[in-house]
Amino acid sequence: MTSWIRWQDSLWPSPGDGGSLWRPWGGRIERCLPYALLALSTVISLASSGHDPLRTLGLAGIAAVWLLLTLTLMPKR
């Protein structure tokens, strides 16, 4: 039933495939957007009152390491 699905392929087209101008941006967005969203949420959390800054930065550090290991340093398929 799902024999036509290629499970090993990425959901995003690889940068530079085809003649479309938006495709190189897909890879950049996939690499940068998680870090940008993490930084934004950390700044918002630190700006709001009543939060422990050390705990917030610790959790953000753990999340950044997780992103680094699962997205940035993950070997190519």
C-alpha atoms as a PDB file:
ATOM      1  CA  MET A   1       0.000   0.000   0.000  1.00  0.00           C
ATOM      2  CA  THR A   2       2.801   2.439   0.812  1.00  0.00           C
ATOM      3  CA  SER A   3       5.407   0.888  -1.448  1.00  0.00           C
ATOM      4  CA  TRP A   4       5.569   4.077  -3.539  1.00  0.00           C
ATOM      5  CA  ILE A   5       6.734   6.159  -0.534  1.00  0.00           C
ATOM      6  CA  ARG A   6      10.493   6.652  -0.346  1.00  0.00           C
ATOM      7  CA  TRP A   7      10.991   6.829   3.425  1.00  0.00           C
ATOM      8  CA  GLN A   8      14.708   7.630   3.231  1.00  0.00           C
ATOM      9  CA  ASP A   9      14.124  10.926   1.372  1.00  0.00           C
ATOM     10  CA  SER A  10      13.897  14.300   3.066  1.00  0.00           C
ATOM     11  CA  LEU A  11      10.637  16.204   3.163  1.00  0.00           C
ATOM     12  CA  TRP A  12      12.435  19.280   1.811  1.00  0.00           C
ATOM     13  CA  PRO A  13      13.927  19.406  -1.658  1.00  0.00           C
ATOM     14  CA  SER A  14      17.685  19.575  -1.594  1.00  0.00           C
ATOM     15  CA  PRO A  15      19.160  23.049  -2.185  1.00  0.00           C
ATOM     16  CA  GLY A  16      19.890  23.712  -5.821  1.00  0.00           C
ATOM     17  CA  ASP A  17      17.582  21.079  -7.292  1.00  0.00           C
ATOM     18  CA  GLY A  18      15.727  22.251 -10.349  1.00  0.00           C
ATOM     19  CA  GLY A  19      15.507  25.720 -11.762  1.00  0.00           C
ATOM     20  CA  SER A  20      13.306  27.258  -9.108  1.00  0.00           C
ATOM     21  CA  LEU A  21      14.666  30.238  -7.177  1.00  0.00           C
ATOM     22  CA  TRP A  22      13.074  29.290  -3.828  1.00  0.00           C
ATOM     23  CA  ARG A  23      14.703  25.882  -3.460  1.00  0.00           C
ATOM     24  CA  PRO A  24      18.110  27.017  -2.129  1.00  0.00           C
ATOM     25  CA  TRP A  25      16.240  28.866   0.634  1.00  0.00           C
ATOM     26  CA  GLY A  26      14.498  25.678   1.774  1.00  0.00           C
ATOM     27  CA  GLY A  27      17.718  24.198   3.143  1.00  0.00           C
ATOM     28  CA  ARG A  28      18.711  27.443   4.832  1.00  0.00           C
ATOM     29  CA  ILE A  29      15.312  27.777   6.503  1.00  0.00           C
ATOM     30  CA  GLU A  30      15.427  24.158   7.629  1.00  0.00           C
ATOM     31  CA  ARG A  31      18.843  24.744   9.254  1.00  0.00           C
ATOM     32  CA  CYS A  32      18.231  28.189  10.802  1.00  0.00           C
ATOM     33  CA  LEU A  33      14.551  28.367  11.765  1.00  0.00           C
ATOM     34  CA  PRO A  34      14.720  26.034  14.812  1.00  0.00           C
ATOM     35  CA  TYR A  35      17.574  28.061  16.315  1.00  0.00           C
ATOM     36  CA  ALA A  36      15.805  31.362  15.621  1.00  0.00           C
ATOM     37  CA  LEU A  37      12.612  30.127  17.255  1.00  0.00           C
ATOM     38  CA  LEU A  38      14.561  28.839  20.264  1.00  0.00           C
ATOM     39  CA  ALA A  39      16.325  32.193  20.651  1.00  0.00           C
ATOM     40  CA  LEU A  40      13.037  34.087  20.362  1.00  0.00           C
ATOM     41  CA  SER A  41      11.281  31.912  22.935  1.00  0.00           C
ATOM     42  CA  THR A  42      14.265  32.229  25.303  1.00  0.00           C
ATOM     43  CA  VAL A  43      14.259  36.028  25.049  1.00  0.00           C
ATOM     44  CA  ILE A  44      10.499  36.166  25.631  1.00  0.00           C
ATOM     45  CA  SER A  45      10.800  33.856  28.622  1.00  0.00           C
ATOM     46  CA  LEU A  46      13.651  35.882  30.121  1.00  0.00           C
ATOM     47  CA  ALA A  47      11.779  39.144  29.542  1.00  0.00           C
ATOM     48  CA  SER A  48       8.689  37.954  31.370  1.00  0.00           C
ATOM     49  CA  SER A  49       8.795  38.339  35.121  1.00  0.00           C
ATOM     50  CA  GLY A  50       8.662  35.533  37.622  1.00  0.00           C
ATOM     51  CA  HIS A  51      10.973  33.073  35.860  1.00  0.00           C
ATOM     52  CA  ASP A  52      14.313  31.843  37.113  1.00  0.00           C
ATOM     53  CA  PRO A  53      16.863  32.992  34.491  1.00  0.00           C
ATOM     54  CA  LEU A  54      19.321  30.223  35.307  1.00  0.00           C
ATOM     55  CA  ARG A  55      16.675  27.540  34.785  1.00  0.00           C
ATOM     56  CA  THR A  56      15.512  29.194  31.553  1.00  0.00           C
ATOM     57  CA  LEU A  57      19.037  29.377  30.157  1.00  0.00           C
ATOM     58  CA  GLY A  58      19.738  25.800  31.256  1.00  0.00           C
ATOM     59  CA  LEU A  59      16.664  24.483  29.445  1.00  0.00           C
ATOM     60  CA  ALA A  60      17.483  26.585  26.374  1.00  0.00           C
ATOM     61  CA  GLY A  61      21.040  25.192  26.420  1.00  0.00           C
ATOM     62  CA  ILE A  62      19.750  21.622  26.545  1.00  0.00           C
ATOM     63  CA  ALA A  63      17.378  22.370  23.657  1.00  0.00           C
ATOM     64  CA  ALA A  64      20.204  23.974  21.642  1.00  0.00           C
ATOM     65  CA  VAL A  65      22.413  20.907  22.126  1.00  0.00           C
ATOM     66  CA  TRP A  66      19.504  18.686  21.075  1.00  0.00           C
ATOM     67  CA  LEU A  67      19.021  20.762  17.906  1.00  0.00           C
ATOM     68  CA  LEU A  68      22.742  20.658  17.214  1.00  0.00           C
ATOM     69  CA  LEU A  69      22.883  16.871  17.521  1.00  0.00           C
ATOM     70  CA  THR A  70      19.649  16.070  15.664  1.00  0.00           C
ATOM     71  CA  LEU A  71      19.683  18.674  12.897  1.00  0.00           C
ATOM     72  CA  THR A  72      23.066  20.270  12.344  1.00  0.00           C
ATOM     73  CA  LEU A  73      25.472  17.401  13.000  1.00  0.00           C
ATOM     74  CA  MET A  74      23.212  14.610  11.752  1.00  0.00           C
ATOM     75  CA  PRO A  75      24.934  12.689   8.939  1.00  0.00           C
ATOM     76  CA  LYS A  76      23.581  13.041   5.417  1.00  0.00           C
ATOM     77  CA  ARG A  77      21.352  10.259   4.176  1.00  0.00           C
END
